[in-house]
Amino acid sequence: MCEEFVVPTTDLIANLGPGCYVQILDNNDLFWVEIETVCDSEYKGRVHPKLNTGLNTGYCPFGDDNLVLFCKEQITLLGCDRFCFC
């Protein structure tokens, strides 16, 4: 496994799909999300609270199903070679 997370680029984001893990910024909080569906420029994914770090560990404000809708502008890091192997 690598030590660093992958910084998103336009090309990498264009190739994201179901099963990819991304870190998103939502309301000043960071969350690791596993992408379930991609529709145009909108993503739907499941938050994995146990992957969050710091004060945010285990926290998920998205309801019992942990599902969140987000856009590519919210993606801060990619989980390639750490949480997923694309």
PDB file of N, CA and C in Angstrom:
ATOM      1  N   MET A   1       0.832  -1.197   0.000  1.00  0.00           N
ATOM      2  CA  MET A   1       0.000   0.000   0.000  1.00  0.00           C
ATOM      3  C   MET A   1       0.866   1.246   0.000  1.00  0.00           C
ATOM      4  N   CYS A   2       0.361   2.277  -0.623  1.00  0.00           N
ATOM      5  CA  CYS A   2       1.101   3.525  -0.660  1.00  0.00           C
ATOM      6  C   CYS A   2       0.852   4.317   0.615  1.00  0.00           C
ATOM      7  N   GLU A   3       1.721   5.250   0.901  1.00  0.00           N
ATOM      8  CA  GLU A   3       1.600   6.079   2.100  1.00  0.00           C
ATOM      9  C   GLU A   3       0.684   7.279   1.882  1.00  0.00           C
ATOM     10  N   GLU A   4       0.670   7.796   0.679  1.00  0.00           N
ATOM     11  CA  GLU A   4      -0.089   9.004   0.385  1.00  0.00           C
ATOM     12  C   GLU A   4      -1.378   8.672  -0.364  1.00  0.00           C
ATOM     13  N   PHE A   5      -2.355   9.548  -0.207  1.00  0.00           N
ATOM     14  CA  PHE A   5      -3.569   9.423  -1.003  1.00  0.00           C
ATOM     15  C   PHE A   5      -3.362  10.107  -2.347  1.00  0.00           C
ATOM     16  N   VAL A   6      -4.147   9.721  -3.329  1.00  0.00           N
ATOM     17  CA  VAL A   6      -4.035  10.264  -4.679  1.00  0.00           C
ATOM     18  C   VAL A   6      -4.816  11.571  -4.771  1.00  0.00           C
ATOM     19  N   VAL A   7      -4.157  12.591  -5.300  1.00  0.00           N
ATOM     20  CA  VAL A   7      -4.796  13.892  -5.516  1.00  0.00           C
ATOM     21  C   VAL A   7      -5.612  13.791  -6.796  1.00  0.00           C
ATOM     22  N   PRO A   8      -6.877  14.217  -6.754  1.00  0.00           N
ATOM     23  CA  PRO A   8      -7.718  14.088  -7.946  1.00  0.00           C
ATOM     24  C   PRO A   8      -7.282  15.030  -9.069  1.00  0.00           C
ATOM     25  N   THR A   9      -7.308  14.502 -10.276  1.00  0.00           N
ATOM     26  CA  THR A   9      -7.088  15.305 -11.479  1.00  0.00           C
ATOM     27  C   THR A   9      -8.341  15.165 -12.331  1.00  0.00           C
ATOM     28  N   THR A  10      -8.456  15.988 -13.331  1.00  0.00           N
ATOM     29  CA  THR A  10      -9.608  15.923 -14.227  1.00  0.00           C
ATOM     30  C   THR A  10      -9.727  14.539 -14.859  1.00  0.00           C
ATOM     31  N   ASP A  11      -8.599  13.982 -15.320  1.00  0.00           N
ATOM     32  CA  ASP A  11      -8.618  12.658 -15.951  1.00  0.00           C
ATOM     33  C   ASP A  11      -9.010  11.561 -14.969  1.00  0.00           C
ATOM     34  N   LEU A  12      -8.455  11.598 -13.759  1.00  0.00           N
ATOM     35  CA  LEU A  12      -8.789  10.572 -12.765  1.00  0.00           C
ATOM     36  C   LEU A  12     -10.260  10.642 -12.367  1.00  0.00           C
ATOM     37  N   ILE A  13     -10.773  11.840 -12.173  1.00  0.00           N
ATOM     38  CA  ILE A  13     -12.183  12.004 -11.811  1.00  0.00           C
ATOM     39  C   ILE A  13     -13.082  11.502 -12.935  1.00  0.00           C
ATOM     40  N   ALA A  14     -12.685  11.728 -14.177  1.00  0.00           N
ATOM     41  CA  ALA A  14     -13.488  11.280 -15.321  1.00  0.00           C
ATOM     42  C   ALA A  14     -13.612   9.760 -15.366  1.00  0.00           C
ATOM     43  N   ASN A  15     -12.665   9.045 -14.753  1.00  0.00           N
ATOM     44  CA  ASN A  15     -12.676   7.587 -14.779  1.00  0.00           C
ATOM     45  C   ASN A  15     -13.242   6.950 -13.515  1.00  0.00           C
ATOM     46  N   LEU A  16     -13.776   7.752 -12.600  1.00  0.00           N
ATOM     47  CA  LEU A  16     -14.350   7.190 -11.383  1.00  0.00           C
ATOM     48  C   LEU A  16     -15.641   6.440 -11.694  1.00  0.00           C
ATOM     49  N   GLY A  17     -15.884   5.393 -10.944  1.00  0.00           N
ATOM     50  CA  GLY A  17     -17.106   4.618 -11.131  1.00  0.00           C
ATOM     51  C   GLY A  17     -17.446   3.853  -9.869  1.00  0.00           C
ATOM     52  N   PRO A  18     -18.464   3.014  -9.922  1.00  0.00           N
ATOM     53  CA  PRO A  18     -18.869   2.228  -8.760  1.00  0.00           C
ATOM     54  C   PRO A  18     -17.693   1.438  -8.185  1.00  0.00           C
ATOM     55  N   GLY A  19     -17.584   1.496  -6.862  1.00  0.00           N
ATOM     56  CA  GLY A  19     -16.514   0.797  -6.163  1.00  0.00           C
ATOM     57  C   GLY A  19     -15.319   1.675  -5.844  1.00  0.00           C
ATOM     58  N   CYS A  20     -15.221   2.843  -6.477  1.00  0.00           N
ATOM     59  CA  CYS A  20     -14.123   3.765  -6.181  1.00  0.00           C
ATOM     60  C   CYS A  20     -14.407   4.492  -4.862  1.00  0.00           C
ATOM     61  N   TYR A  21     -13.346   4.741  -4.123  1.00  0.00           N
ATOM     62  CA  TYR A  21     -13.455   5.481  -2.868  1.00  0.00           C
ATOM     63  C   TYR A  21     -12.893   6.879  -3.076  1.00  0.00           C
ATOM     64  N   VAL A  22     -13.628   7.869  -2.590  1.00  0.00           N
ATOM     65  CA  VAL A  22     -13.199   9.259  -2.674  1.00  0.00           C
ATOM     66  C   VAL A  22     -13.455   9.940  -1.338  1.00  0.00           C
ATOM     67  N   GLN A  23     -12.640  10.927  -1.056  1.00  0.00           N
ATOM     68  CA  GLN A  23     -12.909  11.766   0.109  1.00  0.00           C
ATOM     69  C   GLN A  23     -13.620  13.007  -0.394  1.00  0.00           C
ATOM     70  N   ILE A  24     -14.731  13.362   0.261  1.00  0.00           N
ATOM     71  CA  ILE A  24     -15.476  14.550  -0.154  1.00  0.00           C
ATOM     72  C   ILE A  24     -15.524  15.559   0.979  1.00  0.00           C
ATOM     73  N   LEU A  25     -15.682  16.802   0.592  1.00  0.00           N
ATOM     74  CA  LEU A  25     -15.878  17.895   1.534  1.00  0.00           C
ATOM     75  C   LEU A  25     -17.350  18.263   1.505  1.00  0.00           C
ATOM     76  N   ASP A  26     -17.998  18.186   2.669  1.00  0.00           N
ATOM     77  CA  ASP A  26     -19.420  18.515   2.772  1.00  0.00           C
ATOM     78  C   ASP A  26     -19.629  19.299   4.056  1.00  0.00           C
ATOM     79  N   ASN A  27     -20.085  20.540   3.925  1.00  0.00           N
ATOM     80  CA  ASN A  27     -20.328  21.399   5.091  1.00  0.00           C
ATOM     81  C   ASN A  27     -19.118  21.461   6.018  1.00  0.00           C
ATOM     82  N   ASN A  28     -17.941  21.673   5.454  1.00  0.00           N
ATOM     83  CA  ASN A  28     -16.683  21.800   6.198  1.00  0.00           C
ATOM     84  C   ASN A  28     -16.236  20.524   6.902  1.00  0.00           C
ATOM     85  N   ASP A  29     -16.828  19.381   6.588  1.00  0.00           N
ATOM     86  CA  ASP A  29     -16.409  18.089   7.116  1.00  0.00           C
ATOM     87  C   ASP A  29     -15.932  17.219   5.957  1.00  0.00           C
ATOM     88  N   LEU A  30     -14.960  16.353   6.228  1.00  0.00           N
ATOM     89  CA  LEU A  30     -14.446  15.430   5.229  1.00  0.00           C
ATOM     90  C   LEU A  30     -14.968  14.035   5.500  1.00  0.00           C
ATOM     91  N   PHE A  31     -15.385  13.332   4.441  1.00  0.00           N
ATOM     92  CA  PHE A  31     -15.942  11.992   4.556  1.00  0.00           C
ATOM     93  C   PHE A  31     -15.388  11.103   3.453  1.00  0.00           C
ATOM     94  N   TRP A  32     -15.094   9.832   3.784  1.00  0.00           N
ATOM     95  CA  TRP A  32     -14.733   8.847   2.760  1.00  0.00           C
ATOM     96  C   TRP A  32     -15.998   8.167   2.272  1.00  0.00           C
ATOM     97  N   VAL A  33     -16.164   8.144   0.965  1.00  0.00           N
ATOM     98  CA  VAL A  33     -17.379   7.650   0.332  1.00  0.00           C
ATOM     99  C   VAL A  33     -17.015   6.602  -0.721  1.00  0.00           C
ATOM    100  N   GLU A  34     -17.772   5.511  -0.743  1.00  0.00           N
ATOM    101  CA  GLU A  34     -17.645   4.517  -1.808  1.00  0.00           C
ATOM    102  C   GLU A  34     -18.707   4.829  -2.847  1.00  0.00           C
ATOM    103  N   ILE A  35     -18.285   5.119  -4.063  1.00  0.00           N
ATOM    104  CA  ILE A  35     -19.220   5.489  -5.124  1.00  0.00           C
ATOM    105  C   ILE A  35     -20.083   4.287  -5.498  1.00  0.00           C
ATOM    106  N   GLU A  36     -21.395   4.524  -5.579  1.00  0.00           N
ATOM    107  CA  GLU A  36     -22.332   3.481  -6.018  1.00  0.00           C
ATOM    108  C   GLU A  36     -22.827   3.732  -7.431  1.00  0.00           C
ATOM    109  N   THR A  37     -23.131   4.987  -7.748  1.00  0.00           N
ATOM    110  CA  THR A  37     -23.609   5.313  -9.093  1.00  0.00           C
ATOM    111  C   THR A  37     -23.048   6.660  -9.542  1.00  0.00           C
ATOM    112  N   VAL A  38     -22.907   6.793 -10.864  1.00  0.00           N
ATOM    113  CA  VAL A  38     -22.480   8.049 -11.473  1.00  0.00           C
ATOM    114  C   VAL A  38     -23.505   8.389 -12.540  1.00  0.00           C
ATOM    115  N   CYS A  39     -24.035   9.601 -12.487  1.00  0.00           N
ATOM    116  CA  CYS A  39     -24.994  10.061 -13.488  1.00  0.00           C
ATOM    117  C   CYS A  39     -24.589  11.471 -13.895  1.00  0.00           C
ATOM    118  N   ASP A  40     -24.053  11.583 -15.111  1.00  0.00           N
ATOM    119  CA  ASP A  40     -23.508  12.855 -15.596  1.00  0.00           C
ATOM    120  C   ASP A  40     -22.424  13.331 -14.626  1.00  0.00           C
ATOM    121  N   SER A  41     -22.619  14.459 -13.981  1.00  0.00           N
ATOM    122  CA  SER A  41     -21.604  14.980 -13.064  1.00  0.00           C
ATOM    123  C   SER A  41     -22.030  14.825 -11.602  1.00  0.00           C
ATOM    124  N   GLU A  42     -23.022  13.969 -11.350  1.00  0.00           N
ATOM    125  CA  GLU A  42     -23.479  13.743  -9.978  1.00  0.00           C
ATOM    126  C   GLU A  42     -23.163  12.313  -9.560  1.00  0.00           C
ATOM    127  N   TYR A  43     -22.713  12.184  -8.334  1.00  0.00           N
ATOM    128  CA  TYR A  43     -22.347  10.886  -7.783  1.00  0.00           C
ATOM    129  C   TYR A  43     -23.248  10.562  -6.595  1.00  0.00           C
ATOM    130  N   LYS A  44     -23.496   9.277  -6.416  1.00  0.00           N
ATOM    131  CA  LYS A  44     -24.206   8.798  -5.233  1.00  0.00           C
ATOM    132  C   LYS A  44     -23.306   7.752  -4.610  1.00  0.00           C
ATOM    133  N   GLY A  45     -23.115   7.866  -3.300  1.00  0.00           N
ATOM    134  CA  GLY A  45     -22.232   6.913  -2.655  1.00  0.00           C
ATOM    135  C   GLY A  45     -22.584   6.695  -1.203  1.00  0.00           C
ATOM    136  N   ARG A  46     -21.925   5.700  -0.635  1.00  0.00           N
ATOM    137  CA  ARG A  46     -22.140   5.335   0.761  1.00  0.00           C
ATOM    138  C   ARG A  46     -20.951   5.798   1.597  1.00  0.00           C
ATOM    139  N   VAL A  47     -21.233   6.604   2.608  1.00  0.00           N
ATOM    140  CA  VAL A  47     -20.196   7.098   3.511  1.00  0.00           C
ATOM    141  C   VAL A  47     -19.728   5.941   4.392  1.00  0.00           C
ATOM    142  N   HIS A  48     -18.413   5.846   4.574  1.00  0.00           N
ATOM    143  CA  HIS A  48     -17.816   4.842   5.458  1.00  0.00           C
ATOM    144  C   HIS A  48     -17.198   5.582   6.652  1.00  0.00           C
ATOM    145  N   PRO A  49     -18.009   5.828   7.702  1.00  0.00           N
ATOM    146  CA  PRO A  49     -17.553   6.639   8.839  1.00  0.00           C
ATOM    147  C   PRO A  49     -16.286   6.118   9.507  1.00  0.00           C
ATOM    148  N   LYS A  50     -16.056   4.818   9.495  1.00  0.00           N
ATOM    149  CA  LYS A  50     -14.873   4.276  10.169  1.00  0.00           C
ATOM    150  C   LYS A  50     -13.576   4.654   9.459  1.00  0.00           C
ATOM    151  N   LEU A  51     -13.658   5.090   8.208  1.00  0.00           N
ATOM    152  CA  LEU A  51     -12.463   5.513   7.475  1.00  0.00           C
ATOM    153  C   LEU A  51     -12.114   6.974   7.740  1.00  0.00           C
ATOM    154  N   ASN A  52     -13.039   7.719   8.326  1.00  0.00           N
ATOM    155  CA  ASN A  52     -12.778   9.121   8.613  1.00  0.00           C
ATOM    156  C   ASN A  52     -11.733   9.232   9.710  1.00  0.00           C
ATOM    157  N   THR A  53     -11.041  10.358   9.745  1.00  0.00           N
ATOM    158  CA  THR A  53      -9.979  10.547  10.728  1.00  0.00           C
ATOM    159  C   THR A  53     -10.253  11.756  11.605  1.00  0.00           C
ATOM    160  N   GLY A  54      -9.506  11.871  12.667  1.00  0.00           N
ATOM    161  CA  GLY A  54      -9.605  13.025  13.554  1.00  0.00           C
ATOM    162  C   GLY A  54     -10.927  13.073  14.293  1.00  0.00           C
ATOM    163  N   LEU A  55     -11.448  14.265  14.457  1.00  0.00           N
ATOM    164  CA  LEU A  55     -12.691  14.470  15.196  1.00  0.00           C
ATOM    165  C   LEU A  55     -13.897  13.876  14.484  1.00  0.00           C
ATOM    166  N   ASN A  56     -13.735  13.583  13.202  1.00  0.00           N
ATOM    167  CA  ASN A  56     -14.831  13.116  12.370  1.00  0.00           C
ATOM    168  C   ASN A  56     -14.983  11.584  12.380  1.00  0.00           C
ATOM    169  N   THR A  57     -14.120  10.861  13.078  1.00  0.00           N
ATOM    170  CA  THR A  57     -14.140   9.404  13.065  1.00  0.00           C
ATOM    171  C   THR A  57     -15.485   8.876  13.542  1.00  0.00           C
ATOM    172  N   GLY A  58     -16.100   8.036  12.729  1.00  0.00           N
ATOM    173  CA  GLY A  58     -17.369   7.420  13.086  1.00  0.00           C
ATOM    174  C   GLY A  58     -18.591   8.290  12.892  1.00  0.00           C
ATOM    175  N   TYR A  59     -18.404   9.552  12.522  1.00  0.00           N
ATOM    176  CA  TYR A  59     -19.509  10.501  12.376  1.00  0.00           C
ATOM    177  C   TYR A  59     -20.058  10.467  10.962  1.00  0.00           C
ATOM    178  N   CYS A  60     -21.387  10.409  10.844  1.00  0.00           N
ATOM    179  CA  CYS A  60     -22.018  10.460   9.533  1.00  0.00           C
ATOM    180  C   CYS A  60     -23.383  11.148   9.656  1.00  0.00           C
ATOM    181  N   PRO A  61     -23.527  12.344   9.105  1.00  0.00           N
ATOM    182  CA  PRO A  61     -24.788  13.089   9.221  1.00  0.00           C
ATOM    183  C   PRO A  61     -25.796  12.780   8.121  1.00  0.00           C
ATOM    184  N   PHE A  62     -25.590  11.697   7.363  1.00  0.00           N
ATOM    185  CA  PHE A  62     -26.403  11.461   6.175  1.00  0.00           C
ATOM    186  C   PHE A  62     -27.527  10.463   6.380  1.00  0.00           C
ATOM    187  N   GLY A  63     -27.912  10.178   7.591  1.00  0.00           N
ATOM    188  CA  GLY A  63     -29.022   9.265   7.843  1.00  0.00           C
ATOM    189  C   GLY A  63     -28.577   7.835   8.055  1.00  0.00           C
ATOM    190  N   ASP A  64     -29.534   6.979   8.319  1.00  0.00           N
ATOM    191  CA  ASP A  64     -29.250   5.590   8.650  1.00  0.00           C
ATOM    192  C   ASP A  64     -28.594   4.810   7.522  1.00  0.00           C
ATOM    193  N   ASP A  65     -28.884   5.186   6.267  1.00  0.00           N
ATOM    194  CA  ASP A  65     -28.319   4.432   5.146  1.00  0.00           C
ATOM    195  C   ASP A  65     -26.952   4.963   4.704  1.00  0.00           C
ATOM    196  N   ASN A  66     -26.505   6.081   5.288  1.00  0.00           N
ATOM    197  CA  ASN A  66     -25.199   6.671   4.987  1.00  0.00           C
ATOM    198  C   ASN A  66     -25.021   7.047   3.518  1.00  0.00           C
ATOM    199  N   LEU A  67     -26.116   7.268   2.785  1.00  0.00           N
ATOM    200  CA  LEU A  67     -26.026   7.631   1.372  1.00  0.00           C
ATOM    201  C   LEU A  67     -25.920   9.139   1.212  1.00  0.00           C
ATOM    202  N   VAL A  68     -25.103   9.556   0.257  1.00  0.00           N
ATOM    203  CA  VAL A  68     -24.903  10.979   0.008  1.00  0.00           C
ATOM    204  C   VAL A  68     -24.814  11.216  -1.496  1.00  0.00           C
ATOM    205  N   LEU A  69     -25.364  12.331  -1.941  1.00  0.00           N
ATOM    206  CA  LEU A  69     -25.198  12.805  -3.316  1.00  0.00           C
ATOM    207  C   LEU A  69     -24.128  13.886  -3.287  1.00  0.00           C
ATOM    208  N   PHE A  70     -23.231  13.857  -4.263  1.00  0.00           N
ATOM    209  CA  PHE A  70     -22.180  14.868  -4.294  1.00  0.00           C
ATOM    210  C   PHE A  70     -21.733  15.098  -5.731  1.00  0.00           C
ATOM    211  N   CYS A  71     -20.982  16.167  -5.940  1.00  0.00           N
ATOM    212  CA  CYS A  71     -20.472  16.496  -7.276  1.00  0.00           C
ATOM    213  C   CYS A  71     -18.948  16.431  -7.262  1.00  0.00           C
ATOM    214  N   LYS A  72     -18.358  16.443  -8.455  1.00  0.00           N
ATOM    215  CA  LYS A  72     -16.906  16.275  -8.573  1.00  0.00           C
ATOM    216  C   LYS A  72     -16.134  17.382  -7.867  1.00  0.00           C
ATOM    217  N   GLU A  73     -16.721  18.564  -7.751  1.00  0.00           N
ATOM    218  CA  GLU A  73     -16.044  19.673  -7.081  1.00  0.00           C
ATOM    219  C   GLU A  73     -15.843  19.415  -5.589  1.00  0.00           C
ATOM    220  N   GLN A  74     -16.611  18.489  -5.029  1.00  0.00           N
ATOM    221  CA  GLN A  74     -16.484  18.164  -3.610  1.00  0.00           C
ATOM    222  C   GLN A  74     -15.389  17.127  -3.335  1.00  0.00           C
ATOM    223  N   ILE A  75     -14.847  16.507  -4.368  1.00  0.00           N
ATOM    224  CA  ILE A  75     -13.846  15.454  -4.191  1.00  0.00           C
ATOM    225  C   ILE A  75     -12.495  16.082  -3.865  1.00  0.00           C
ATOM    226  N   THR A  76     -11.920  15.668  -2.727  1.00  0.00           N
ATOM    227  CA  THR A  76     -10.643  16.226  -2.280  1.00  0.00           C
ATOM    228  C   THR A  76      -9.481  15.244  -2.432  1.00  0.00           C
ATOM    229  N   LEU A  77      -9.743  13.949  -2.283  1.00  0.00           N
ATOM    230  CA  LEU A  77      -8.723  12.910  -2.423  1.00  0.00           C
ATOM    231  C   LEU A  77      -9.353  11.659  -3.007  1.00  0.00           C
ATOM    232  N   LEU A  78      -8.507  10.797  -3.582  1.00  0.00           N
ATOM    233  CA  LEU A  78      -8.961   9.505  -4.095  1.00  0.00           C
ATOM    234  C   LEU A  78      -8.351   8.395  -3.246  1.00  0.00           C
ATOM    235  N   GLY A  79      -9.077   7.309  -3.086  1.00  0.00           N
ATOM    236  CA  GLY A  79      -8.612   6.196  -2.271  1.00  0.00           C
ATOM    237  C   GLY A  79      -7.889   5.124  -3.066  1.00  0.00           C
ATOM    238  N   CYS A  80      -7.449   5.450  -4.272  1.00  0.00           N
ATOM    239  CA  CYS A  80      -6.772   4.478  -5.140  1.00  0.00           C
ATOM    240  C   CYS A  80      -5.585   3.840  -4.427  1.00  0.00           C
ATOM    241  N   ASP A  81      -5.463   2.520  -4.569  1.00  0.00           N
ATOM    242  CA  ASP A  81      -4.384   1.725  -3.999  1.00  0.00           C
ATOM    243  C   ASP A  81      -4.369   1.712  -2.470  1.00  0.00           C
ATOM    244  N   ARG A  82      -5.387   2.292  -1.832  1.00  0.00           N
ATOM    245  CA  ARG A  82      -5.531   2.229  -0.378  1.00  0.00           C
ATOM    246  C   ARG A  82      -6.833   1.540  -0.020  1.00  0.00           C
ATOM    247  N   PHE A  83      -7.926   2.077  -0.539  1.00  0.00           N
ATOM    248  CA  PHE A  83      -9.260   1.531  -0.266  1.00  0.00           C
ATOM    249  C   PHE A  83      -9.832   0.811  -1.467  1.00  0.00           C
ATOM    250  N   CYS A  84      -9.327   1.130  -2.643  1.00  0.00           N
ATOM    251  CA  CYS A  84      -9.807   0.480  -3.861  1.00  0.00           C
ATOM    252  C   CYS A  84      -8.630   0.296  -4.821  1.00  0.00           C
ATOM    253  N   PHE A  85      -8.784  -0.650  -5.716  1.00  0.00           N
ATOM    254  CA  PHE A  85      -7.713  -0.983  -6.654  1.00  0.00           C
ATOM    255  C   PHE A  85      -8.295  -0.998  -8.064  1.00  0.00           C
ATOM    256  N   CYS A  86      -8.368   0.179  -8.663  1.00  0.00           N
ATOM    257  CA  CYS A  86      -8.993   0.353  -9.969  1.00  0.00           C
ATOM    258  C   CYS A  86      -8.088  -0.139 -11.088  1.00  0.00           C
TER     259      CYS A  86
END
